[in-house]
Amino acid sequence: MSETRTSGGLVGWIDDRFPMTKMWREHVSEYYAPKNFNFWYYFGSLALLTLVIQVVTGIFLTMNYVPSDARAFQSVEYIMRDVQWGWLIRYIHTTGASAFFIVVYLHMFRALLYGSHQKPRELLWLFGCLIFLALMAEAFMGYMLPWGQMSYWGAQVI
């Protein structure tokens, strides 16, 4: 064990067990970025950010949602009217769903634009398309949850 430590104390103790500062140095502070890095590359990270926002707001909405035919719409009205900041959380969630798909479409467009779907990355592209199909199914199920008129007739069409 003749390794030299850059820091002592708690950080050094953690680094002996989990290389935290080495990972920070390699993946964040000294990470190589290509010269042709432009705004198109932000859409993958932006999709992740909007997905995290969707999950967090969805968890908060789930706390007051009643999943039954008779009470689903009433629980949405309860969230909108009686839950503190419920209207804001619901609107962030509904608008975030549209924003998420816009960002994902732009991310897919960038992949097509830069040829990321071609060899040797075609399996990555196919995996991304499968994730996209799963996200569309999830969005449709979320669309059905309020069980209002639009949700009902949307379910009838499908």
N, C-alpha and C. Protein backbone atom coordinates (compact mmCIF):
# COMPACT_ATOMS: atom_id res chain seq x y z
N MET A 1 0.82 -1.18 0.00
CA MET A 1 0.00 0.00 0.00
C MET A 1 0.87 1.24 0.00
N SER A 2 1.57 1.46 -1.08
CA SER A 2 2.44 2.64 -1.16
C SER A 2 1.81 3.74 -2.00
N GLU A 3 0.48 3.75 -2.06
CA GLU A 3 -0.20 4.80 -2.82
C GLU A 3 -0.12 6.11 -2.07
N THR A 4 0.05 7.18 -2.83
CA THR A 4 0.05 8.50 -2.20
C THR A 4 -1.35 9.07 -2.25
N ARG A 5 -1.73 9.66 -1.18
CA ARG A 5 -3.07 10.21 -1.06
C ARG A 5 -3.01 11.72 -1.27
N THR A 6 -3.97 12.25 -2.05
CA THR A 6 -4.00 13.70 -2.27
C THR A 6 -4.67 14.42 -1.13
N SER A 7 -5.49 13.74 -0.38
CA SER A 7 -6.16 14.37 0.75
C SER A 7 -6.27 13.38 1.88
N GLY A 8 -6.35 13.88 3.08
CA GLY A 8 -6.45 13.03 4.25
C GLY A 8 -7.83 13.12 4.86
N GLY A 9 -7.95 12.58 6.02
CA GLY A 9 -9.20 12.67 6.74
C GLY A 9 -10.29 11.81 6.13
N LEU A 10 -11.49 12.32 6.17
CA LEU A 10 -12.66 11.58 5.72
C LEU A 10 -12.61 11.31 4.21
N VAL A 11 -12.20 12.32 3.43
CA VAL A 11 -12.14 12.13 1.97
C VAL A 11 -11.11 11.06 1.62
N GLY A 12 -9.97 11.07 2.28
CA GLY A 12 -8.96 10.04 2.05
C GLY A 12 -9.44 8.66 2.44
N TRP A 13 -10.16 8.57 3.54
CA TRP A 13 -10.71 7.29 3.98
C TRP A 13 -11.71 6.76 2.96
N ILE A 14 -12.58 7.65 2.44
CA ILE A 14 -13.55 7.23 1.43
C ILE A 14 -12.84 6.85 0.14
N ASP A 15 -11.80 7.59 -0.23
CA ASP A 15 -11.06 7.29 -1.47
C ASP A 15 -10.39 5.93 -1.41
N ASP A 16 -9.98 5.48 -0.22
CA ASP A 16 -9.39 4.15 -0.10
C ASP A 16 -10.40 3.06 -0.43
N ARG A 17 -11.66 3.32 -0.17
CA ARG A 17 -12.70 2.33 -0.38
C ARG A 17 -13.48 2.54 -1.67
N PHE A 18 -13.59 3.77 -2.08
CA PHE A 18 -14.33 4.14 -3.29
C PHE A 18 -13.60 5.32 -3.94
N PRO A 19 -13.04 5.13 -5.13
CA PRO A 19 -12.17 6.17 -5.73
C PRO A 19 -12.94 7.41 -6.20
N MET A 20 -13.45 8.17 -5.23
CA MET A 20 -14.30 9.31 -5.53
C MET A 20 -13.55 10.42 -6.27
N THR A 21 -12.40 10.83 -5.76
CA THR A 21 -11.69 11.94 -6.41
C THR A 21 -11.13 11.53 -7.76
N LYS A 22 -10.72 10.28 -7.91
CA LYS A 22 -10.24 9.80 -9.21
C LYS A 22 -11.37 9.83 -10.24
N MET A 23 -12.55 9.38 -9.84
CA MET A 23 -13.69 9.41 -10.76
C MET A 23 -14.07 10.84 -11.10
N TRP A 24 -14.06 11.74 -10.13
CA TRP A 24 -14.36 13.15 -10.38
C TRP A 24 -13.37 13.72 -11.38
N ARG A 25 -12.09 13.42 -11.20
CA ARG A 25 -11.05 13.94 -12.08
C ARG A 25 -11.21 13.39 -13.50
N GLU A 26 -11.44 12.08 -13.63
CA GLU A 26 -11.51 11.46 -14.95
C GLU A 26 -12.80 11.77 -15.70
N HIS A 27 -13.91 11.89 -14.99
CA HIS A 27 -15.21 12.00 -15.66
C HIS A 27 -15.84 13.38 -15.62
N VAL A 28 -15.32 14.29 -14.80
CA VAL A 28 -15.93 15.61 -14.71
C VAL A 28 -14.92 16.72 -14.94
N SER A 29 -13.93 16.83 -14.07
CA SER A 29 -13.06 18.01 -14.13
C SER A 29 -12.07 17.97 -15.29
N GLU A 30 -11.58 16.79 -15.66
CA GLU A 30 -10.62 16.69 -16.77
C GLU A 30 -11.19 15.89 -17.93
N TYR A 31 -12.50 15.88 -18.09
CA TYR A 31 -13.15 15.09 -19.13
C TYR A 31 -12.88 15.72 -20.49
N TYR A 32 -12.47 14.89 -21.43
CA TYR A 32 -12.19 15.36 -22.79
C TYR A 32 -13.50 15.60 -23.53
N ALA A 33 -13.64 16.78 -24.08
CA ALA A 33 -14.80 17.11 -24.90
C ALA A 33 -14.32 17.35 -26.33
N PRO A 34 -14.99 16.79 -27.32
CA PRO A 34 -14.56 16.98 -28.70
C PRO A 34 -14.69 18.43 -29.15
N LYS A 35 -13.89 18.80 -30.14
CA LYS A 35 -13.91 20.18 -30.63
C LYS A 35 -15.22 20.54 -31.33
N ASN A 36 -15.90 19.55 -31.90
CA ASN A 36 -17.15 19.82 -32.59
C ASN A 36 -18.37 19.73 -31.65
N PHE A 37 -18.15 19.82 -30.37
CA PHE A 37 -19.22 19.79 -29.37
C PHE A 37 -20.08 21.04 -29.51
N ASN A 38 -21.38 20.87 -29.77
CA ASN A 38 -22.26 22.02 -29.93
C ASN A 38 -23.57 21.78 -29.18
N PHE A 39 -24.53 22.66 -29.39
CA PHE A 39 -25.76 22.60 -28.60
C PHE A 39 -26.58 21.34 -28.86
N TRP A 40 -26.38 20.66 -29.97
CA TRP A 40 -27.13 19.44 -30.26
C TRP A 40 -26.84 18.35 -29.23
N TYR A 41 -25.67 18.41 -28.61
CA TYR A 41 -25.28 17.37 -27.66
C TYR A 41 -25.95 17.54 -26.30
N TYR A 42 -26.62 18.65 -26.05
CA TYR A 42 -27.27 18.87 -24.77
C TYR A 42 -28.60 18.15 -24.62
N PHE A 43 -29.18 17.71 -25.71
CA PHE A 43 -30.54 17.19 -25.65
C PHE A 43 -30.65 15.86 -24.92
N GLY A 44 -29.61 15.05 -24.92
CA GLY A 44 -29.64 13.81 -24.14
C GLY A 44 -29.69 14.10 -22.65
N SER A 45 -28.85 15.02 -22.19
CA SER A 45 -28.86 15.40 -20.77
C SER A 45 -30.15 16.12 -20.41
N LEU A 46 -30.64 16.93 -21.32
CA LEU A 46 -31.90 17.65 -21.07
C LEU A 46 -33.07 16.67 -20.99
N ALA A 47 -33.03 15.61 -21.79
CA ALA A 47 -34.07 14.58 -21.70
C ALA A 47 -34.02 13.89 -20.34
N LEU A 48 -32.82 13.62 -19.84
CA LEU A 48 -32.68 13.02 -18.52
C LEU A 48 -33.22 13.96 -17.44
N LEU A 49 -32.92 15.25 -17.54
CA LEU A 49 -33.41 16.22 -16.57
C LEU A 49 -34.93 16.29 -16.56
N THR A 50 -35.54 16.34 -17.74
CA THR A 50 -37.00 16.40 -17.79
C THR A 50 -37.62 15.09 -17.30
N LEU A 51 -36.94 13.96 -17.54
CA LEU A 51 -37.44 12.69 -17.03
C LEU A 51 -37.41 12.67 -15.50
N VAL A 52 -36.35 13.20 -14.91
CA VAL A 52 -36.27 13.26 -13.45
C VAL A 52 -37.38 14.16 -12.90
N ILE A 53 -37.62 15.29 -13.55
CA ILE A 53 -38.71 16.18 -13.12
C ILE A 53 -40.05 15.46 -13.22
N GLN A 54 -40.25 14.69 -14.29
CA GLN A 54 -41.49 13.93 -14.46
C GLN A 54 -41.66 12.90 -13.34
N VAL A 55 -40.59 12.21 -13.00
CA VAL A 55 -40.67 11.20 -11.94
C VAL A 55 -41.00 11.85 -10.60
N VAL A 56 -40.32 12.95 -10.28
CA VAL A 56 -40.55 13.62 -9.00
C VAL A 56 -41.98 14.17 -8.91
N THR A 57 -42.44 14.87 -9.94
CA THR A 57 -43.81 15.39 -9.90
C THR A 57 -44.83 14.26 -9.93
N GLY A 58 -44.53 13.18 -10.64
CA GLY A 58 -45.42 12.03 -10.66
C GLY A 58 -45.56 11.38 -9.29
N ILE A 59 -44.45 11.32 -8.54
CA ILE A 59 -44.52 10.77 -7.18
C ILE A 59 -45.41 11.64 -6.30
N PHE A 60 -45.25 12.97 -6.41
CA PHE A 60 -46.10 13.86 -5.61
C PHE A 60 -47.57 13.74 -6.01
N LEU A 61 -47.85 13.59 -7.29
CA LEU A 61 -49.24 13.43 -7.72
C LEU A 61 -49.82 12.10 -7.25
N THR A 62 -49.00 11.07 -7.22
CA THR A 62 -49.46 9.75 -6.81
C THR A 62 -49.89 9.73 -5.34
N MET A 63 -49.31 10.62 -4.55
CA MET A 63 -49.65 10.64 -3.12
C MET A 63 -51.12 10.96 -2.87
N ASN A 64 -51.78 11.64 -3.80
CA ASN A 64 -53.19 12.02 -3.61
C ASN A 64 -54.12 11.45 -4.68
N TYR A 65 -53.62 10.59 -5.53
CA TYR A 65 -54.43 10.03 -6.62
C TYR A 65 -55.12 8.75 -6.14
N VAL A 66 -56.38 8.58 -6.54
CA VAL A 66 -57.14 7.37 -6.21
C VAL A 66 -57.35 6.59 -7.50
N PRO A 67 -56.74 5.41 -7.64
CA PRO A 67 -56.84 4.66 -8.90
C PRO A 67 -58.09 3.79 -8.98
N SER A 68 -59.23 4.40 -9.22
CA SER A 68 -60.46 3.63 -9.42
C SER A 68 -61.29 4.34 -10.49
N ASP A 69 -62.18 3.58 -11.11
CA ASP A 69 -63.02 4.16 -12.16
C ASP A 69 -63.88 5.29 -11.62
N ALA A 70 -64.44 5.09 -10.46
CA ALA A 70 -65.38 6.06 -9.92
C ALA A 70 -64.71 7.28 -9.31
N ARG A 71 -63.49 7.15 -8.80
CA ARG A 71 -62.87 8.24 -8.05
C ARG A 71 -61.66 8.87 -8.72
N ALA A 72 -61.24 8.39 -9.88
CA ALA A 72 -60.02 8.91 -10.51
C ALA A 72 -60.16 10.39 -10.85
N PHE A 73 -61.22 10.76 -11.53
CA PHE A 73 -61.40 12.16 -11.91
C PHE A 73 -61.60 13.05 -10.69
N GLN A 74 -62.32 12.54 -9.69
CA GLN A 74 -62.52 13.31 -8.46
C GLN A 74 -61.19 13.54 -7.74
N SER A 75 -60.31 12.55 -7.78
CA SER A 75 -59.02 12.74 -7.12
C SER A 75 -58.16 13.76 -7.86
N VAL A 76 -58.28 13.83 -9.18
CA VAL A 76 -57.56 14.86 -9.94
C VAL A 76 -58.11 16.23 -9.59
N GLU A 77 -59.43 16.35 -9.49
CA GLU A 77 -60.02 17.63 -9.06
C GLU A 77 -59.57 18.00 -7.65
N TYR A 78 -59.49 17.01 -6.77
CA TYR A 78 -59.02 17.25 -5.41
C TYR A 78 -57.58 17.77 -5.43
N ILE A 79 -56.74 17.16 -6.26
CA ILE A 79 -55.34 17.61 -6.36
C ILE A 79 -55.30 19.05 -6.86
N MET A 80 -56.12 19.37 -7.85
CA MET A 80 -56.10 20.71 -8.43
C MET A 80 -56.65 21.77 -7.48
N ARG A 81 -57.62 21.43 -6.66
CA ARG A 81 -58.30 22.44 -5.84
C ARG A 81 -57.86 22.47 -4.38
N ASP A 82 -57.64 21.31 -3.79
CA ASP A 82 -57.46 21.26 -2.34
C ASP A 82 -56.04 20.96 -1.88
N VAL A 83 -55.25 20.29 -2.68
CA VAL A 83 -53.87 19.99 -2.29
C VAL A 83 -53.03 21.25 -2.47
N GLN A 84 -52.25 21.55 -1.44
CA GLN A 84 -51.42 22.75 -1.52
C GLN A 84 -50.39 22.60 -2.64
N TRP A 85 -50.36 23.54 -3.54
CA TRP A 85 -49.50 23.57 -4.73
C TRP A 85 -49.78 22.40 -5.68
N GLY A 86 -50.90 21.71 -5.50
CA GLY A 86 -51.23 20.58 -6.37
C GLY A 86 -51.45 21.01 -7.80
N TRP A 87 -52.08 22.15 -8.00
CA TRP A 87 -52.31 22.65 -9.36
C TRP A 87 -50.98 22.89 -10.07
N LEU A 88 -50.01 23.44 -9.36
CA LEU A 88 -48.71 23.71 -9.97
C LEU A 88 -47.97 22.42 -10.30
N ILE A 89 -47.99 21.48 -9.38
CA ILE A 89 -47.32 20.20 -9.62
C ILE A 89 -47.95 19.48 -10.80
N ARG A 90 -49.28 19.52 -10.89
CA ARG A 90 -49.95 18.85 -12.02
C ARG A 90 -49.61 19.53 -13.35
N TYR A 91 -49.61 20.86 -13.36
CA TYR A 91 -49.28 21.56 -14.61
C TYR A 91 -47.82 21.37 -15.00
N ILE A 92 -46.93 21.32 -14.02
CA ILE A 92 -45.53 21.01 -14.33
C ILE A 92 -45.45 19.61 -14.93
N HIS A 93 -46.21 18.68 -14.38
CA HIS A 93 -46.18 17.31 -14.87
C HIS A 93 -46.76 17.19 -16.28
N THR A 94 -47.89 17.84 -16.53
CA THR A 94 -48.50 17.73 -17.86
C THR A 94 -47.68 18.46 -18.92
N THR A 95 -47.18 19.64 -18.59
CA THR A 95 -46.35 20.38 -19.54
C THR A 95 -45.00 19.69 -19.71
N GLY A 96 -44.50 19.12 -18.63
CA GLY A 96 -43.23 18.40 -18.70
C GLY A 96 -43.28 17.19 -19.62
N ALA A 97 -44.45 16.55 -19.71
CA ALA A 97 -44.58 15.41 -20.61
C ALA A 97 -44.40 15.85 -22.06
N SER A 98 -45.00 16.97 -22.42
CA SER A 98 -44.83 17.49 -23.78
C SER A 98 -43.40 17.94 -24.01
N ALA A 99 -42.83 18.62 -23.03
CA ALA A 99 -41.44 19.08 -23.16
C ALA A 99 -40.49 17.90 -23.28
N PHE A 100 -40.77 16.84 -22.54
CA PHE A 100 -39.91 15.66 -22.59
C PHE A 100 -39.90 15.06 -23.99
N PHE A 101 -41.06 14.94 -24.61
CA PHE A 101 -41.08 14.35 -25.95
C PHE A 101 -40.47 15.28 -26.99
N ILE A 102 -40.61 16.58 -26.83
CA ILE A 102 -39.93 17.51 -27.74
C ILE A 102 -38.42 17.32 -27.65
N VAL A 103 -37.91 17.24 -26.43
CA VAL A 103 -36.47 17.07 -26.23
C VAL A 103 -36.01 15.72 -26.77
N VAL A 104 -36.80 14.67 -26.56
CA VAL A 104 -36.43 13.35 -27.07
C VAL A 104 -36.43 13.34 -28.59
N TYR A 105 -37.41 14.00 -29.22
CA TYR A 105 -37.42 14.09 -30.68
C TYR A 105 -36.18 14.83 -31.19
N LEU A 106 -35.80 15.91 -30.52
CA LEU A 106 -34.59 16.63 -30.92
C LEU A 106 -33.34 15.78 -30.72
N HIS A 107 -33.32 14.99 -29.66
CA HIS A 107 -32.20 14.08 -29.42
C HIS A 107 -32.11 13.02 -30.53
N MET A 108 -33.26 12.49 -30.94
CA MET A 108 -33.27 11.51 -32.03
C MET A 108 -32.87 12.16 -33.35
N PHE A 109 -33.30 13.40 -33.57
CA PHE A 109 -32.92 14.12 -34.79
C PHE A 109 -31.41 14.32 -34.84
N ARG A 110 -30.81 14.66 -33.69
CA ARG A 110 -29.36 14.82 -33.65
C ARG A 110 -28.66 13.51 -33.97
N ALA A 111 -29.19 12.41 -33.46
CA ALA A 111 -28.59 11.11 -33.75
C ALA A 111 -28.65 10.81 -35.24
N LEU A 112 -29.77 11.13 -35.88
CA LEU A 112 -29.87 10.93 -37.32
C LEU A 112 -28.97 11.88 -38.09
N LEU A 113 -28.90 13.13 -37.62
CA LEU A 113 -28.10 14.15 -38.29
C LEU A 113 -26.62 13.80 -38.29
N TYR A 114 -26.13 13.27 -37.18
CA TYR A 114 -24.71 12.94 -37.05
C TYR A 114 -24.40 11.50 -37.41
N GLY A 115 -25.39 10.74 -37.85
CA GLY A 115 -25.15 9.37 -38.28
C GLY A 115 -24.90 8.41 -37.14
N SER A 116 -25.45 8.69 -35.98
CA SER A 116 -25.24 7.81 -34.82
C SER A 116 -26.01 6.50 -34.94
N HIS A 117 -26.86 6.39 -35.93
CA HIS A 117 -27.63 5.16 -36.12
C HIS A 117 -26.92 4.17 -37.03
N GLN A 118 -25.76 4.55 -37.55
CA GLN A 118 -25.04 3.69 -38.49
C GLN A 118 -24.01 2.84 -37.76
N LYS A 119 -23.45 1.89 -38.47
CA LYS A 119 -22.45 1.00 -37.92
C LYS A 119 -21.30 1.81 -37.35
N PRO A 120 -20.81 1.52 -36.21
CA PRO A 120 -20.99 0.38 -35.30
C PRO A 120 -21.99 0.63 -34.19
N ARG A 121 -22.83 1.65 -34.29
CA ARG A 121 -23.74 2.01 -33.20
C ARG A 121 -25.20 1.66 -33.49
N GLU A 122 -25.45 0.78 -34.42
CA GLU A 122 -26.85 0.51 -34.76
C GLU A 122 -27.60 -0.19 -33.63
N LEU A 123 -26.91 -0.99 -32.82
CA LEU A 123 -27.58 -1.62 -31.69
C LEU A 123 -27.97 -0.59 -30.63
N LEU A 124 -27.14 0.40 -30.44
CA LEU A 124 -27.47 1.49 -29.52
C LEU A 124 -28.70 2.25 -30.02
N TRP A 125 -28.77 2.47 -31.33
CA TRP A 125 -29.92 3.15 -31.92
C TRP A 125 -31.19 2.31 -31.73
N LEU A 126 -31.11 1.00 -31.97
CA LEU A 126 -32.27 0.13 -31.79
C LEU A 126 -32.72 0.09 -30.33
N PHE A 127 -31.76 0.06 -29.42
CA PHE A 127 -32.10 0.10 -28.00
C PHE A 127 -32.79 1.42 -27.65
N GLY A 128 -32.31 2.51 -28.21
CA GLY A 128 -32.95 3.81 -28.00
C GLY A 128 -34.37 3.84 -28.55
N CYS A 129 -34.59 3.20 -29.70
CA CYS A 129 -35.94 3.13 -30.27
C CYS A 129 -36.87 2.30 -29.38
N LEU A 130 -36.35 1.23 -28.79
CA LEU A 130 -37.16 0.44 -27.85
C LEU A 130 -37.51 1.26 -26.61
N ILE A 131 -36.56 2.03 -26.12
CA ILE A 131 -36.84 2.92 -24.98
C ILE A 131 -37.90 3.94 -25.37
N PHE A 132 -37.81 4.46 -26.58
CA PHE A 132 -38.79 5.44 -27.06
C PHE A 132 -40.19 4.83 -27.11
N LEU A 133 -40.31 3.61 -27.61
CA LEU A 133 -41.62 2.95 -27.65
C LEU A 133 -42.17 2.72 -26.24
N ALA A 134 -41.29 2.35 -25.31
CA ALA A 134 -41.73 2.17 -23.92
C ALA A 134 -42.19 3.49 -23.33
N LEU A 135 -41.51 4.58 -23.66
CA LEU A 135 -41.90 5.90 -23.16
C LEU A 135 -43.24 6.34 -23.75
N MET A 136 -43.48 6.00 -25.01
CA MET A 136 -44.78 6.34 -25.60
C MET A 136 -45.91 5.56 -24.93
N ALA A 137 -45.66 4.29 -24.62
CA ALA A 137 -46.67 3.51 -23.90
C ALA A 137 -46.91 4.08 -22.51
N GLU A 138 -45.84 4.47 -21.84
CA GLU A 138 -45.97 5.08 -20.51
C GLU A 138 -46.74 6.40 -20.58
N ALA A 139 -46.48 7.20 -21.60
CA ALA A 139 -47.20 8.47 -21.75
C ALA A 139 -48.69 8.22 -22.00
N PHE A 140 -49.01 7.20 -22.79
CA PHE A 140 -50.42 6.90 -23.04
C PHE A 140 -51.11 6.45 -21.76
N MET A 141 -50.42 5.63 -20.97
CA MET A 141 -51.02 5.20 -19.70
C MET A 141 -51.20 6.38 -18.76
N GLY A 142 -50.26 7.31 -18.75
CA GLY A 142 -50.41 8.51 -17.94
C GLY A 142 -51.55 9.39 -18.43
N TYR A 143 -51.77 9.38 -19.74
CA TYR A 143 -52.88 10.14 -20.33
C TYR A 143 -54.23 9.58 -19.88
N MET A 144 -54.28 8.28 -19.63
CA MET A 144 -55.52 7.63 -19.22
C MET A 144 -55.84 7.86 -17.74
N LEU A 145 -54.87 8.19 -16.91
CA LEU A 145 -55.08 8.23 -15.47
C LEU A 145 -56.16 9.20 -14.99
N PRO A 146 -56.30 10.42 -15.53
CA PRO A 146 -57.36 11.29 -15.01
C PRO A 146 -58.77 10.75 -15.24
N TRP A 147 -58.93 9.93 -16.24
CA TRP A 147 -60.19 9.28 -16.61
C TRP A 147 -61.32 10.30 -16.77
N GLY A 148 -60.99 11.39 -17.51
CA GLY A 148 -62.00 12.35 -17.91
C GLY A 148 -62.53 11.97 -19.28
N GLN A 149 -63.21 12.89 -19.93
CA GLN A 149 -63.78 12.62 -21.25
C GLN A 149 -62.70 12.31 -22.29
N MET A 150 -61.64 13.11 -22.30
CA MET A 150 -60.58 12.88 -23.30
C MET A 150 -59.88 11.55 -23.05
N SER A 151 -59.65 11.22 -21.78
CA SER A 151 -59.02 9.94 -21.46
C SER A 151 -59.90 8.77 -21.86
N TYR A 152 -61.18 8.89 -21.56
CA TYR A 152 -62.11 7.82 -21.89
C TYR A 152 -62.16 7.57 -23.39
N TRP A 153 -62.33 8.64 -24.17
CA TRP A 153 -62.46 8.46 -25.61
C TRP A 153 -61.12 8.12 -26.25
N GLY A 154 -60.03 8.54 -25.64
CA GLY A 154 -58.72 8.10 -26.12
C GLY A 154 -58.55 6.60 -25.94
N ALA A 155 -59.05 6.08 -24.83
CA ALA A 155 -59.00 4.64 -24.59
C ALA A 155 -59.92 3.90 -25.54
N GLN A 156 -61.05 4.49 -25.90
CA GLN A 156 -61.98 3.85 -26.82
C GLN A 156 -61.38 3.74 -28.22
N VAL A 157 -60.62 4.75 -28.62
CA VAL A 157 -60.01 4.73 -29.95
C VAL A 157 -58.94 3.65 -30.03
N ILE A 158 -58.16 3.52 -29.01
CA ILE A 158 -57.09 2.52 -29.00
C ILE A 158 -57.68 1.17 -28.69
